[in-house]
Amino acid sequence: MKPKVIVMEAEQISSEELVSLLDRAGIETIVTTRLNELKKIMPDAIIIDERAGRGEWELSSRIRDESNVPILMLGDSDSEIAWVKAVAHDVDFYLPRPFSPRELIARLKALIRRYNGIHQPLA
């Protein structure tokens, strides 16, 4: 069974490349801007794009209040402040741009394995 990941972004157009990358890695991807999708879909992980501009830091805390689903945030800063802020808002992993597609897939699959307790081969 393919892992299921929600990608939370402001516009679906900006996520096409990410969805394609995840699909090639065998990951089912649902793009949404609404938190209420979390309960309906029951994802294995959530990717939040820091550029989404919807209060993504608070969004990660709200997700954590409702679920222990792994959260990976794609960010625009590689500063220590961004990493500390990610930890403070219960983000499991903060990946700054530019990032390697292989690293994104490897980190996402590692988070899913830890969450599900299932070992999956890396792409």
PDB file of N, CA and C in Angstrom:
ATOM      1  N   MET A   1       0.832  -1.179   0.000  1.00  0.00           N
ATOM      2  CA  MET A   1       0.000   0.000   0.000  1.00  0.00           C
ATOM      3  C   MET A   1       0.885   1.254   0.000  1.00  0.00           C
ATOM      4  N   LYS A   2       0.555   2.192  -0.868  1.00  0.00           N
ATOM      5  CA  LYS A   2       1.324   3.423  -0.992  1.00  0.00           C
ATOM      6  C   LYS A   2       1.095   4.318   0.227  1.00  0.00           C
ATOM      7  N   PRO A   3       2.163   4.922   0.738  1.00  0.00           N
ATOM      8  CA  PRO A   3       1.963   5.918   1.793  1.00  0.00           C
ATOM      9  C   PRO A   3       1.188   7.107   1.226  1.00  0.00           C
ATOM     10  N   LYS A   4       0.409   7.753   2.078  1.00  0.00           N
ATOM     11  CA  LYS A   4      -0.429   8.871   1.680  1.00  0.00           C
ATOM     12  C   LYS A   4       0.069  10.130   2.385  1.00  0.00           C
ATOM     13  N   VAL A   5       0.326  11.179   1.608  1.00  0.00           N
ATOM     14  CA  VAL A   5       0.865  12.428   2.144  1.00  0.00           C
ATOM     15  C   VAL A   5      -0.018  13.592   1.720  1.00  0.00           C
ATOM     16  N   ILE A   6      -0.313  14.468   2.662  1.00  0.00           N
ATOM     17  CA  ILE A   6      -1.009  15.708   2.345  1.00  0.00           C
ATOM     18  C   ILE A   6       0.048  16.792   2.151  1.00  0.00           C
ATOM     19  N   VAL A   7      -0.082  17.538   1.065  1.00  0.00           N
ATOM     20  CA  VAL A   7       0.762  18.699   0.820  1.00  0.00           C
ATOM     21  C   VAL A   7      -0.117  19.922   1.013  1.00  0.00           C
ATOM     22  N   MET A   8       0.254  20.777   1.960  1.00  0.00           N
ATOM     23  CA  MET A   8      -0.526  21.981   2.237  1.00  0.00           C
ATOM     24  C   MET A   8       0.188  23.165   1.614  1.00  0.00           C
ATOM     25  N   GLU A   9      -0.417  23.726   0.576  1.00  0.00           N
ATOM     26  CA  GLU A   9       0.143  24.864  -0.139  1.00  0.00           C
ATOM     27  C   GLU A   9      -0.952  25.858  -0.461  1.00  0.00           C
ATOM     28  N   ALA A  10      -0.544  27.080  -0.758  1.00  0.00           N
ATOM     29  CA  ALA A  10      -1.503  28.132  -1.078  1.00  0.00           C
ATOM     30  C   ALA A  10      -2.141  27.912  -2.448  1.00  0.00           C
ATOM     31  N   GLU A  11      -1.363  27.440  -3.398  1.00  0.00           N
ATOM     32  CA  GLU A  11      -1.874  27.233  -4.744  1.00  0.00           C
ATOM     33  C   GLU A  11      -1.454  25.862  -5.245  1.00  0.00           C
ATOM     34  N   GLN A  12      -2.383  25.149  -5.848  1.00  0.00           N
ATOM     35  CA  GLN A  12      -2.090  23.816  -6.352  1.00  0.00           C
ATOM     36  C   GLN A  12      -1.051  23.861  -7.468  1.00  0.00           C
ATOM     37  N   ILE A  13      -1.037  24.914  -8.253  1.00  0.00           N
ATOM     38  CA  ILE A  13      -0.095  25.022  -9.366  1.00  0.00           C
ATOM     39  C   ILE A  13       1.347  24.922  -8.871  1.00  0.00           C
ATOM     40  N   SER A  14       1.643  25.544  -7.743  1.00  0.00           N
ATOM     41  CA  SER A  14       3.017  25.539  -7.234  1.00  0.00           C
ATOM     42  C   SER A  14       3.445  24.168  -6.724  1.00  0.00           C
ATOM     43  N   SER A  15       2.502  23.264  -6.552  1.00  0.00           N
ATOM     44  CA  SER A  15       2.837  21.958  -5.999  1.00  0.00           C
ATOM     45  C   SER A  15       2.980  20.872  -7.055  1.00  0.00           C
ATOM     46  N   GLU A  16       2.765  21.195  -8.329  1.00  0.00           N
ATOM     47  CA  GLU A  16       2.798  20.166  -9.369  1.00  0.00           C
ATOM     48  C   GLU A  16       4.125  19.413  -9.411  1.00  0.00           C
ATOM     49  N   GLU A  17       5.231  20.118  -9.323  1.00  0.00           N
ATOM     50  CA  GLU A  17       6.542  19.468  -9.361  1.00  0.00           C
ATOM     51  C   GLU A  17       6.733  18.557  -8.143  1.00  0.00           C
ATOM     52  N   LEU A  18       6.316  19.022  -6.983  1.00  0.00           N
ATOM     53  CA  LEU A  18       6.424  18.222  -5.759  1.00  0.00           C
ATOM     54  C   LEU A  18       5.554  16.971  -5.851  1.00  0.00           C
ATOM     55  N   VAL A  19       4.333  17.115  -6.344  1.00  0.00           N
ATOM     56  CA  VAL A  19       3.433  15.973  -6.496  1.00  0.00           C
ATOM     57  C   VAL A  19       4.036  14.950  -7.456  1.00  0.00           C
ATOM     58  N   SER A  20       4.604  15.423  -8.553  1.00  0.00           N
ATOM     59  CA  SER A  20       5.239  14.533  -9.530  1.00  0.00           C
ATOM     60  C   SER A  20       6.412  13.776  -8.893  1.00  0.00           C
ATOM     61  N   LEU A  21       7.227  14.482  -8.133  1.00  0.00           N
ATOM     62  CA  LEU A  21       8.363  13.866  -7.443  1.00  0.00           C
ATOM     63  C   LEU A  21       7.891  12.774  -6.477  1.00  0.00           C
ATOM     64  N   LEU A  22       6.878  13.087  -5.674  1.00  0.00           N
ATOM     65  CA  LEU A  22       6.367  12.125  -4.701  1.00  0.00           C
ATOM     66  C   LEU A  22       5.727  10.929  -5.396  1.00  0.00           C
ATOM     67  N   ASP A  23       5.014  11.173  -6.485  1.00  0.00           N
ATOM     68  CA  ASP A  23       4.385  10.092  -7.244  1.00  0.00           C
ATOM     69  C   ASP A  23       5.437   9.120  -7.785  1.00  0.00           C
ATOM     70  N   ARG A  24       6.523   9.673  -8.331  1.00  0.00           N
ATOM     71  CA  ARG A  24       7.600   8.810  -8.841  1.00  0.00           C
ATOM     72  C   ARG A  24       8.230   7.970  -7.731  1.00  0.00           C
ATOM     73  N   ALA A  25       8.156   8.473  -6.492  1.00  0.00           N
ATOM     74  CA  ALA A  25       8.710   7.740  -5.350  1.00  0.00           C
ATOM     75  C   ALA A  25       7.692   6.768  -4.743  1.00  0.00           C
ATOM     76  N   GLY A  26       6.515   6.658  -5.366  1.00  0.00           N
ATOM     77  CA  GLY A  26       5.512   5.718  -4.877  1.00  0.00           C
ATOM     78  C   GLY A  26       4.690   6.244  -3.714  1.00  0.00           C
ATOM     79  N   ILE A  27       4.546   7.556  -3.635  1.00  0.00           N
ATOM     80  CA  ILE A  27       3.796   8.176  -2.543  1.00  0.00           C
ATOM     81  C   ILE A  27       2.554   8.846  -3.104  1.00  0.00           C
ATOM     82  N   GLU A  28       1.394   8.450  -2.595  1.00  0.00           N
ATOM     83  CA  GLU A  28       0.138   9.087  -2.992  1.00  0.00           C
ATOM     84  C   GLU A  28       0.080  10.469  -2.354  1.00  0.00           C
ATOM     85  N   THR A  29      -0.278  11.476  -3.150  1.00  0.00           N
ATOM     86  CA  THR A  29      -0.243  12.848  -2.672  1.00  0.00           C
ATOM     87  C   THR A  29      -1.588  13.530  -2.861  1.00  0.00           C
ATOM     88  N   ILE A  30      -2.041  14.207  -1.826  1.00  0.00           N
ATOM     89  CA  ILE A  30      -3.255  15.002  -1.865  1.00  0.00           C
ATOM     90  C   ILE A  30      -2.858  16.437  -1.547  1.00  0.00           C
ATOM     91  N   VAL A  31      -3.182  17.373  -2.431  1.00  0.00           N
ATOM     92  CA  VAL A  31      -2.870  18.776  -2.212  1.00  0.00           C
ATOM     93  C   VAL A  31      -4.126  19.461  -1.685  1.00  0.00           C
ATOM     94  N   THR A  32      -3.967  20.193  -0.599  1.00  0.00           N
ATOM     95  CA  THR A  32      -5.101  20.899  -0.027  1.00  0.00           C
ATOM     96  C   THR A  32      -4.619  22.160   0.677  1.00  0.00           C
ATOM     97  N   THR A  33      -5.545  23.043   0.931  1.00  0.00           N
ATOM     98  CA  THR A  33      -5.260  24.231   1.729  1.00  0.00           C
ATOM     99  C   THR A  33      -6.094  24.222   3.001  1.00  0.00           C
ATOM    100  N   ARG A  34      -6.851  23.143   3.219  1.00  0.00           N
ATOM    101  CA  ARG A  34      -7.776  23.086   4.362  1.00  0.00           C
ATOM    102  C   ARG A  34      -7.349  22.043   5.384  1.00  0.00           C
ATOM    103  N   LEU A  35      -7.299  22.453   6.607  1.00  0.00           N
ATOM    104  CA  LEU A  35      -6.930  21.565   7.708  1.00  0.00           C
ATOM    105  C   LEU A  35      -7.965  20.468   7.937  1.00  0.00           C
ATOM    106  N   ASN A  36      -9.231  20.722   7.623  1.00  0.00           N
ATOM    107  CA  ASN A  36     -10.260  19.711   7.866  1.00  0.00           C
ATOM    108  C   ASN A  36     -10.067  18.457   7.014  1.00  0.00           C
ATOM    109  N   GLU A  37      -9.236  18.522   5.976  1.00  0.00           N
ATOM    110  CA  GLU A  37      -8.938  17.342   5.165  1.00  0.00           C
ATOM    111  C   GLU A  37      -8.162  16.290   5.964  1.00  0.00           C
ATOM    112  N   LEU A  38      -7.455  16.717   6.975  1.00  0.00           N
ATOM    113  CA  LEU A  38      -6.627  15.811   7.784  1.00  0.00           C
ATOM    114  C   LEU A  38      -7.436  14.647   8.329  1.00  0.00           C
ATOM    115  N   LYS A  39      -8.588  14.935   8.927  1.00  0.00           N
ATOM    116  CA  LYS A  39      -9.404  13.885   9.532  1.00  0.00           C
ATOM    117  C   LYS A  39     -10.038  12.974   8.496  1.00  0.00           C
ATOM    118  N   LYS A  40     -10.379  13.521   7.329  1.00  0.00           N
ATOM    119  CA  LYS A  40     -11.008  12.722   6.275  1.00  0.00           C
ATOM    120  C   LYS A  40     -10.020  11.754   5.626  1.00  0.00           C
ATOM    121  N   ILE A  41      -8.788  12.211   5.427  1.00  0.00           N
ATOM    122  CA  ILE A  41      -7.812  11.462   4.639  1.00  0.00           C
ATOM    123  C   ILE A  41      -6.946  10.536   5.480  1.00  0.00           C
ATOM    124  N   MET A  42      -6.672  10.895   6.724  1.00  0.00           N
ATOM    125  CA  MET A  42      -5.792  10.111   7.593  1.00  0.00           C
ATOM    126  C   MET A  42      -4.445   9.850   6.909  1.00  0.00           C
ATOM    127  N   PRO A  43      -3.666  10.909   6.660  1.00  0.00           N
ATOM    128  CA  PRO A  43      -2.398  10.751   5.941  1.00  0.00           C
ATOM    129  C   PRO A  43      -1.317  10.106   6.800  1.00  0.00           C
ATOM    130  N   ASP A  44      -0.287   9.623   6.117  1.00  0.00           N
ATOM    131  CA  ASP A  44       0.889   9.075   6.800  1.00  0.00           C
ATOM    132  C   ASP A  44       1.867  10.184   7.169  1.00  0.00           C
ATOM    133  N   ALA A  45       1.759  11.334   6.499  1.00  0.00           N
ATOM    134  CA  ALA A  45       2.605  12.496   6.787  1.00  0.00           C
ATOM    135  C   ALA A  45       1.984  13.726   6.138  1.00  0.00           C
ATOM    136  N   ILE A  46       2.453  14.897   6.584  1.00  0.00           N
ATOM    137  CA  ILE A  46       2.008  16.161   6.015  1.00  0.00           C
ATOM    138  C   ILE A  46       3.242  16.978   5.657  1.00  0.00           C
ATOM    139  N   ILE A  47       3.216  17.558   4.462  1.00  0.00           N
ATOM    140  CA  ILE A  47       4.254  18.499   4.045  1.00  0.00           C
ATOM    141  C   ILE A  47       3.606  19.871   4.029  1.00  0.00           C
ATOM    142  N   ILE A  48       4.211  20.818   4.736  1.00  0.00           N
ATOM    143  CA  ILE A  48       3.730  22.193   4.736  1.00  0.00           C
ATOM    144  C   ILE A  48       4.771  23.058   4.051  1.00  0.00           C
ATOM    145  N   ASP A  49       4.330  23.854   3.086  1.00  0.00           N
ATOM    146  CA  ASP A  49       5.214  24.774   2.391  1.00  0.00           C
ATOM    147  C   ASP A  49       5.215  26.099   3.140  1.00  0.00           C
ATOM    148  N   GLU A  50       6.369  26.486   3.662  1.00  0.00           N
ATOM    149  CA  GLU A  50       6.471  27.726   4.441  1.00  0.00           C
ATOM    150  C   GLU A  50       6.059  28.943   3.620  1.00  0.00           C
ATOM    151  N   ARG A  51       6.150  28.867   2.316  1.00  0.00           N
ATOM    152  CA  ARG A  51       5.761  29.990   1.458  1.00  0.00           C
ATOM    153  C   ARG A  51       4.252  30.082   1.280  1.00  0.00           C
ATOM    154  N   ALA A  52       3.513  29.173   1.881  1.00  0.00           N
ATOM    155  CA  ALA A  52       2.063  29.153   1.687  1.00  0.00           C
ATOM    156  C   ALA A  52       1.401  30.428   2.187  1.00  0.00           C
ATOM    157  N   GLY A  53       1.980  31.085   3.170  1.00  0.00           N
ATOM    158  CA  GLY A  53       1.482  32.370   3.608  1.00  0.00           C
ATOM    159  C   GLY A  53       0.174  32.335   4.374  1.00  0.00           C
ATOM    160  N   ARG A  54      -0.146  31.213   4.982  1.00  0.00           N
ATOM    161  CA  ARG A  54      -1.398  31.088   5.726  1.00  0.00           C
ATOM    162  C   ARG A  54      -1.138  30.911   7.209  1.00  0.00           C
ATOM    163  N   GLY A  55      -0.025  31.349   7.697  1.00  0.00           N
ATOM    164  CA  GLY A  55       0.285  31.111   9.095  1.00  0.00           C
ATOM    165  C   GLY A  55       0.712  29.665   9.297  1.00  0.00           C
ATOM    166  N   GLU A  56       1.642  29.230   8.447  1.00  0.00           N
ATOM    167  CA  GLU A  56       2.048  27.819   8.456  1.00  0.00           C
ATOM    168  C   GLU A  56       2.633  27.359   9.787  1.00  0.00           C
ATOM    169  N   TRP A  57       3.242  28.270  10.529  1.00  0.00           N
ATOM    170  CA  TRP A  57       3.794  27.857  11.828  1.00  0.00           C
ATOM    171  C   TRP A  57       2.653  27.501  12.776  1.00  0.00           C
ATOM    172  N   GLU A  58       1.636  28.319  12.811  1.00  0.00           N
ATOM    173  CA  GLU A  58       0.487  28.031  13.664  1.00  0.00           C
ATOM    174  C   GLU A  58      -0.263  26.807  13.157  1.00  0.00           C
ATOM    175  N   LEU A  59      -0.271  26.629  11.842  1.00  0.00           N
ATOM    176  CA  LEU A  59      -0.921  25.460  11.246  1.00  0.00           C
ATOM    177  C   LEU A  59      -0.283  24.175  11.764  1.00  0.00           C
ATOM    178  N   SER A  60       1.036  24.147  11.836  1.00  0.00           N
ATOM    179  CA  SER A  60       1.705  22.938  12.325  1.00  0.00           C
ATOM    180  C   SER A  60       1.330  22.667  13.782  1.00  0.00           C
ATOM    181  N   SER A  61       1.209  23.702  14.589  1.00  0.00           N
ATOM    182  CA  SER A  61       0.799  23.505  15.987  1.00  0.00           C
ATOM    183  C   SER A  61      -0.631  23.015  16.077  1.00  0.00           C
ATOM    184  N   ARG A  62      -1.517  23.534  15.207  1.00  0.00           N
ATOM    185  CA  ARG A  62      -2.915  23.076  15.216  1.00  0.00           C
ATOM    186  C   ARG A  62      -3.018  21.619  14.784  1.00  0.00           C
ATOM    187  N   ILE A  63      -2.213  21.236  13.802  1.00  0.00           N
ATOM    188  CA  ILE A  63      -2.195  19.835  13.373  1.00  0.00           C
ATOM    189  C   ILE A  63      -1.746  18.960  14.540  1.00  0.00           C
ATOM    190  N   ARG A  64      -0.696  19.386  15.220  1.00  0.00           N
ATOM    191  CA  ARG A  64      -0.153  18.600  16.332  1.00  0.00           C
ATOM    192  C   ARG A  64      -1.161  18.474  17.471  1.00  0.00           C
ATOM    193  N   ASP A  65      -2.004  19.479  17.672  1.00  0.00           N
ATOM    194  CA  ASP A  65      -3.042  19.401  18.699  1.00  0.00           C
ATOM    195  C   ASP A  65      -4.056  18.297  18.396  1.00  0.00           C
ATOM    196  N   GLU A  66      -4.230  17.981  17.116  1.00  0.00           N
ATOM    197  CA  GLU A  66      -5.225  16.997  16.701  1.00  0.00           C
ATOM    198  C   GLU A  66      -4.647  15.637  16.354  1.00  0.00           C
ATOM    199  N   SER A  67      -3.352  15.577  16.079  1.00  0.00           N
ATOM    200  CA  SER A  67      -2.784  14.338  15.552  1.00  0.00           C
ATOM    201  C   SER A  67      -1.286  14.276  15.821  1.00  0.00           C
ATOM    202  N   ASN A  68      -0.759  13.066  15.793  1.00  0.00           N
ATOM    203  CA  ASN A  68       0.687  12.899  15.901  1.00  0.00           C
ATOM    204  C   ASN A  68       1.310  12.578  14.537  1.00  0.00           C
ATOM    205  N   VAL A  69       0.574  12.856  13.452  1.00  0.00           N
ATOM    206  CA  VAL A  69       1.067  12.616  12.105  1.00  0.00           C
ATOM    207  C   VAL A  69       2.365  13.403  11.892  1.00  0.00           C
ATOM    208  N   PRO A  70       3.376  12.799  11.256  1.00  0.00           N
ATOM    209  CA  PRO A  70       4.637  13.507  11.022  1.00  0.00           C
ATOM    210  C   PRO A  70       4.443  14.730  10.131  1.00  0.00           C
ATOM    211  N   ILE A  71       5.148  15.800  10.477  1.00  0.00           N
ATOM    212  CA  ILE A  71       5.083  17.043   9.713  1.00  0.00           C
ATOM    213  C   ILE A  71       6.478  17.389   9.218  1.00  0.00           C
ATOM    214  N   LEU A  72       6.599  17.563   7.906  1.00  0.00           N
ATOM    215  CA  LEU A  72       7.837  18.019   7.291  1.00  0.00           C
ATOM    216  C   LEU A  72       7.531  19.385   6.697  1.00  0.00           C
ATOM    217  N   MET A  73       8.321  20.394   7.055  1.00  0.00           N
ATOM    218  CA  MET A  73       8.102  21.733   6.525  1.00  0.00           C
ATOM    219  C   MET A  73       9.207  22.084   5.541  1.00  0.00           C
ATOM    220  N   LEU A  74       8.792  22.550   4.364  1.00  0.00           N
ATOM    221  CA  LEU A  74       9.724  23.058   3.372  1.00  0.00           C
ATOM    222  C   LEU A  74       9.852  24.548   3.617  1.00  0.00           C
ATOM    223  N   GLY A  75      11.074  25.006   3.878  1.00  0.00           N
ATOM    224  CA  GLY A  75      11.256  26.391   4.270  1.00  0.00           C
ATOM    225  C   GLY A  75      12.155  27.189   3.355  1.00  0.00           C
ATOM    226  N   ASP A  76      12.129  28.484   3.581  1.00  0.00           N
ATOM    227  CA  ASP A  76      12.931  29.403   2.778  1.00  0.00           C
ATOM    228  C   ASP A  76      14.200  29.858   3.471  1.00  0.00           C
ATOM    229  N   SER A  77      14.438  29.408   4.686  1.00  0.00           N
ATOM    230  CA  SER A  77      15.598  29.881   5.431  1.00  0.00           C
ATOM    231  C   SER A  77      16.368  28.709   6.022  1.00  0.00           C
ATOM    232  N   ASP A  78      17.681  28.804   5.963  1.00  0.00           N
ATOM    233  CA  ASP A  78      18.524  27.782   6.576  1.00  0.00           C
ATOM    234  C   ASP A  78      19.127  28.315   7.872  1.00  0.00           C
ATOM    235  N   SER A  79      18.495  29.324   8.446  1.00  0.00           N
ATOM    236  CA  SER A  79      19.031  29.929   9.659  1.00  0.00           C
ATOM    237  C   SER A  79      18.675  29.102  10.894  1.00  0.00           C
ATOM    238  N   GLU A  80      19.434  29.298  11.925  1.00  0.00           N
ATOM    239  CA  GLU A  80      19.169  28.629  13.200  1.00  0.00           C
ATOM    240  C   GLU A  80      17.786  29.019  13.730  1.00  0.00           C
ATOM    241  N   ILE A  81      17.395  30.257  13.502  1.00  0.00           N
ATOM    242  CA  ILE A  81      16.084  30.725  13.971  1.00  0.00           C
ATOM    243  C   ILE A  81      14.962  29.904  13.346  1.00  0.00           C
ATOM    244  N   ALA A  82      15.066  29.600  12.049  1.00  0.00           N
ATOM    245  CA  ALA A  82      14.034  28.790  11.377  1.00  0.00           C
ATOM    246  C   ALA A  82      13.958  27.396  11.984  1.00  0.00           C
ATOM    247  N   TRP A  83      15.096  26.788  12.265  1.00  0.00           N
ATOM    248  CA  TRP A  83      15.111  25.452  12.856  1.00  0.00           C
ATOM    249  C   TRP A  83      14.490  25.470  14.254  1.00  0.00           C
ATOM    250  N   VAL A  84      14.851  26.480  15.046  1.00  0.00           N
ATOM    251  CA  VAL A  84      14.309  26.588  16.404  1.00  0.00           C
ATOM    252  C   VAL A  84      12.797  26.823  16.357  1.00  0.00           C
ATOM    253  N   LYS A  85      12.368  27.677  15.448  1.00  0.00           N
ATOM    254  CA  LYS A  85      10.936  27.944  15.291  1.00  0.00           C
ATOM    255  C   LYS A  85      10.193  26.664  14.888  1.00  0.00           C
ATOM    256  N   ALA A  86      10.783  25.874  14.006  1.00  0.00           N
ATOM    257  CA  ALA A  86      10.175  24.606  13.591  1.00  0.00           C
ATOM    258  C   ALA A  86       9.983  23.678  14.790  1.00  0.00           C
ATOM    259  N   VAL A  87      10.995  23.564  15.612  1.00  0.00           N
ATOM    260  CA  VAL A  87      10.896  22.709  16.803  1.00  0.00           C
ATOM    261  C   VAL A  87       9.829  23.239  17.754  1.00  0.00           C
ATOM    262  N   ALA A  88       9.794  24.564  17.927  1.00  0.00           N
ATOM    263  CA  ALA A  88       8.817  25.173  18.834  1.00  0.00           C
ATOM    264  C   ALA A  88       7.381  24.957  18.366  1.00  0.00           C
ATOM    265  N   HIS A  89       7.195  24.760  17.064  1.00  0.00           N
ATOM    266  CA  HIS A  89       5.859  24.559  16.509  1.00  0.00           C
ATOM    267  C   HIS A  89       5.600  23.100  16.137  1.00  0.00           C
ATOM    268  N   ASP A  90       6.352  22.193  16.753  1.00  0.00           N
ATOM    269  CA  ASP A  90       6.118  20.751  16.621  1.00  0.00           C
ATOM    270  C   ASP A  90       6.293  20.187  15.222  1.00  0.00           C
ATOM    271  N   VAL A  91       7.150  20.813  14.424  1.00  0.00           N
ATOM    272  CA  VAL A  91       7.492  20.275  13.111  1.00  0.00           C
ATOM    273  C   VAL A  91       8.529  19.180  13.327  1.00  0.00           C
ATOM    274  N   ASP A  92       8.323  18.033  12.690  1.00  0.00           N
ATOM    275  CA  ASP A  92       9.255  16.917  12.866  1.00  0.00           C
ATOM    276  C   ASP A  92      10.563  17.121  12.114  1.00  0.00           C
ATOM    277  N   PHE A  93      10.474  17.742  10.933  1.00  0.00           N
ATOM    278  CA  PHE A  93      11.701  18.031  10.195  1.00  0.00           C
ATOM    279  C   PHE A  93      11.486  19.271   9.345  1.00  0.00           C
ATOM    280  N   TYR A  94      12.491  20.153   9.365  1.00  0.00           N
ATOM    281  CA  TYR A  94      12.487  21.386   8.581  1.00  0.00           C
ATOM    282  C   TYR A  94      13.532  21.237   7.487  1.00  0.00           C
ATOM    283  N   LEU A  95      13.108  21.330   6.234  1.00  0.00           N
ATOM    284  CA  LEU A  95      14.013  21.164   5.103  1.00  0.00           C
ATOM    285  C   LEU A  95      14.087  22.478   4.327  1.00  0.00           C
ATOM    286  N   PRO A  96      15.251  23.177   4.421  1.00  0.00           N
ATOM    287  CA  PRO A  96      15.369  24.471   3.740  1.00  0.00           C
ATOM    288  C   PRO A  96      15.625  24.312   2.239  1.00  0.00           C
ATOM    289  N   ARG A  97      15.149  25.313   1.488  1.00  0.00           N
ATOM    290  CA  ARG A  97      15.440  25.382   0.053  1.00  0.00           C
ATOM    291  C   ARG A  97      16.809  26.006  -0.140  1.00  0.00           C
ATOM    292  N   PRO A  98      17.502  25.659  -1.178  1.00  0.00           N
ATOM    293  CA  PRO A  98      17.174  24.582  -2.105  1.00  0.00           C
ATOM    294  C   PRO A  98      17.479  23.234  -1.452  1.00  0.00           C
ATOM    295  N   PHE A  99      16.687  22.236  -1.778  1.00  0.00           N
ATOM    296  CA  PHE A  99      16.910  20.913  -1.214  1.00  0.00           C
ATOM    297  C   PHE A  99      17.014  19.891  -2.335  1.00  0.00           C
ATOM    298  N   SER A 100      17.649  18.801  -2.027  1.00  0.00           N
ATOM    299  CA  SER A 100      17.779  17.706  -2.972  1.00  0.00           C
ATOM    300  C   SER A 100      16.479  16.898  -2.961  1.00  0.00           C
ATOM    301  N   PRO A 101      15.928  16.585  -4.131  1.00  0.00           N
ATOM    302  CA  PRO A 101      14.739  15.734  -4.164  1.00  0.00           C
ATOM    303  C   PRO A 101      14.962  14.391  -3.461  1.00  0.00           C
ATOM    304  N   ARG A 102      16.165  13.837  -3.588  1.00  0.00           N
ATOM    305  CA  ARG A 102      16.468  12.558  -2.922  1.00  0.00           C
ATOM    306  C   ARG A 102      16.416  12.711  -1.402  1.00  0.00           C
ATOM    307  N   GLU A 103      16.939  13.844  -0.897  1.00  0.00           N
ATOM    308  CA  GLU A 103      16.892  14.054   0.548  1.00  0.00           C
ATOM    309  C   GLU A 103      15.448  14.221   1.019  1.00  0.00           C
ATOM    310  N   LEU A 104      14.638  14.953   0.269  1.00  0.00           N
ATOM    311  CA  LEU A 104      13.235  15.119   0.642  1.00  0.00           C
ATOM    312  C   LEU A 104      12.540  13.762   0.746  1.00  0.00           C
ATOM    313  N   ILE A 105      12.702  12.929  -0.263  1.00  0.00           N
ATOM    314  CA  ILE A 105      12.056  11.609  -0.269  1.00  0.00           C
ATOM    315  C   ILE A 105      12.592  10.748   0.875  1.00  0.00           C
ATOM    316  N   ALA A 106      13.901  10.749   1.079  1.00  0.00           N
ATOM    317  CA  ALA A 106      14.499   9.935   2.143  1.00  0.00           C
ATOM    318  C   ALA A 106      13.998  10.375   3.517  1.00  0.00           C
ATOM    319  N   ARG A 107      13.963  11.669   3.770  1.00  0.00           N
ATOM    320  CA  ARG A 107      13.504  12.168   5.070  1.00  0.00           C
ATOM    321  C   ARG A 107      12.017  11.910   5.268  1.00  0.00           C
ATOM    322  N   LEU A 108      11.232  12.090   4.221  1.00  0.00           N
ATOM    323  CA  LEU A 108       9.795  11.835   4.309  1.00  0.00           C
ATOM    324  C   LEU A 108       9.518  10.361   4.595  1.00  0.00           C
ATOM    325  N   LYS A 109      10.198   9.476   3.888  1.00  0.00           N
ATOM    326  CA  LYS A 109      10.008   8.041   4.124  1.00  0.00           C
ATOM    327  C   LYS A 109      10.480   7.629   5.512  1.00  0.00           C
ATOM    328  N   ALA A 110      11.547   8.254   6.007  1.00  0.00           N
ATOM    329  CA  ALA A 110      12.017   7.953   7.368  1.00  0.00           C
ATOM    330  C   ALA A 110      10.975   8.374   8.397  1.00  0.00           C
ATOM    331  N   LEU A 111      10.383   9.555   8.213  1.00  0.00           N
ATOM    332  CA  LEU A 111       9.324  10.001   9.131  1.00  0.00           C
ATOM    333  C   LEU A 111       8.134   9.047   9.098  1.00  0.00           C
ATOM    334  N   ILE A 112       7.746   8.626   7.914  1.00  0.00           N
ATOM    335  CA  ILE A 112       6.609   7.706   7.772  1.00  0.00           C
ATOM    336  C   ILE A 112       6.923   6.367   8.423  1.00  0.00           C
ATOM    337  N   ARG A 113       8.145   5.855   8.214  1.00  0.00           N
ATOM    338  CA  ARG A 113       8.535   4.574   8.843  1.00  0.00           C
ATOM    339  C   ARG A 113       8.448   4.661  10.356  1.00  0.00           C
ATOM    340  N   ARG A 114       8.975   5.733  10.918  1.00  0.00           N
ATOM    341  CA  ARG A 114       8.944   5.891  12.369  1.00  0.00           C
ATOM    342  C   ARG A 114       7.521   5.992  12.885  1.00  0.00           C
ATOM    343  N   TYR A 115       6.691   6.698  12.155  1.00  0.00           N
ATOM    344  CA  TYR A 115       5.297   6.888  12.551  1.00  0.00           C
ATOM    345  C   TYR A 115       4.520   5.577  12.466  1.00  0.00           C
ATOM    346  N   ASN A 116       4.718   4.853  11.376  1.00  0.00           N
ATOM    347  CA  ASN A 116       3.974   3.608  11.156  1.00  0.00           C
ATOM    348  C   ASN A 116       4.674   2.372  11.699  1.00  0.00           C
ATOM    349  N   GLY A 117       5.950   2.488  11.982  1.00  0.00           N
ATOM    350  CA  GLY A 117       6.700   1.316  12.425  1.00  0.00           C
ATOM    351  C   GLY A 117       6.943   0.325  11.305  1.00  0.00           C
ATOM    352  N   ILE A 118       6.836   0.783  10.064  1.00  0.00           N
ATOM    353  CA  ILE A 118       7.011  -0.086   8.901  1.00  0.00           C
ATOM    354  C   ILE A 118       8.269   0.355   8.178  1.00  0.00           C
ATOM    355  N   HIS A 119       9.108  -0.595   7.795  1.00  0.00           N
ATOM    356  CA  HIS A 119      10.326  -0.272   7.046  1.00  0.00           C
ATOM    357  C   HIS A 119      10.032  -0.360   5.567  1.00  0.00           C
ATOM    358  N   GLN A 120      10.239   0.752   4.866  1.00  0.00           N
ATOM    359  CA  GLN A 120       9.996   0.817   3.433  1.00  0.00           C
ATOM    360  C   GLN A 120      11.311   1.079   2.725  1.00  0.00           C
ATOM    361  N   PRO A 121      11.542   0.460   1.558  1.00  0.00           N
ATOM    362  CA  PRO A 121      12.787   0.723   0.837  1.00  0.00           C
ATOM    363  C   PRO A 121      12.815   2.148   0.305  1.00  0.00           C
ATOM    364  N   LEU A 122      13.996   2.734   0.263  1.00  0.00           N
ATOM    365  CA  LEU A 122      14.157   4.070  -0.307  1.00  0.00           C
ATOM    366  C   LEU A 122      14.189   3.980  -1.815  1.00  0.00           C
ATOM    367  N   ALA A 123      13.719   5.021  -2.470  1.00  0.00           N
ATOM    368  CA  ALA A 123      13.694   5.047  -3.949  1.00  0.00           C
ATOM    369  C   ALA A 123      15.086   5.289  -4.484  1.00  0.00           C
TER     370      ALA A 123
END
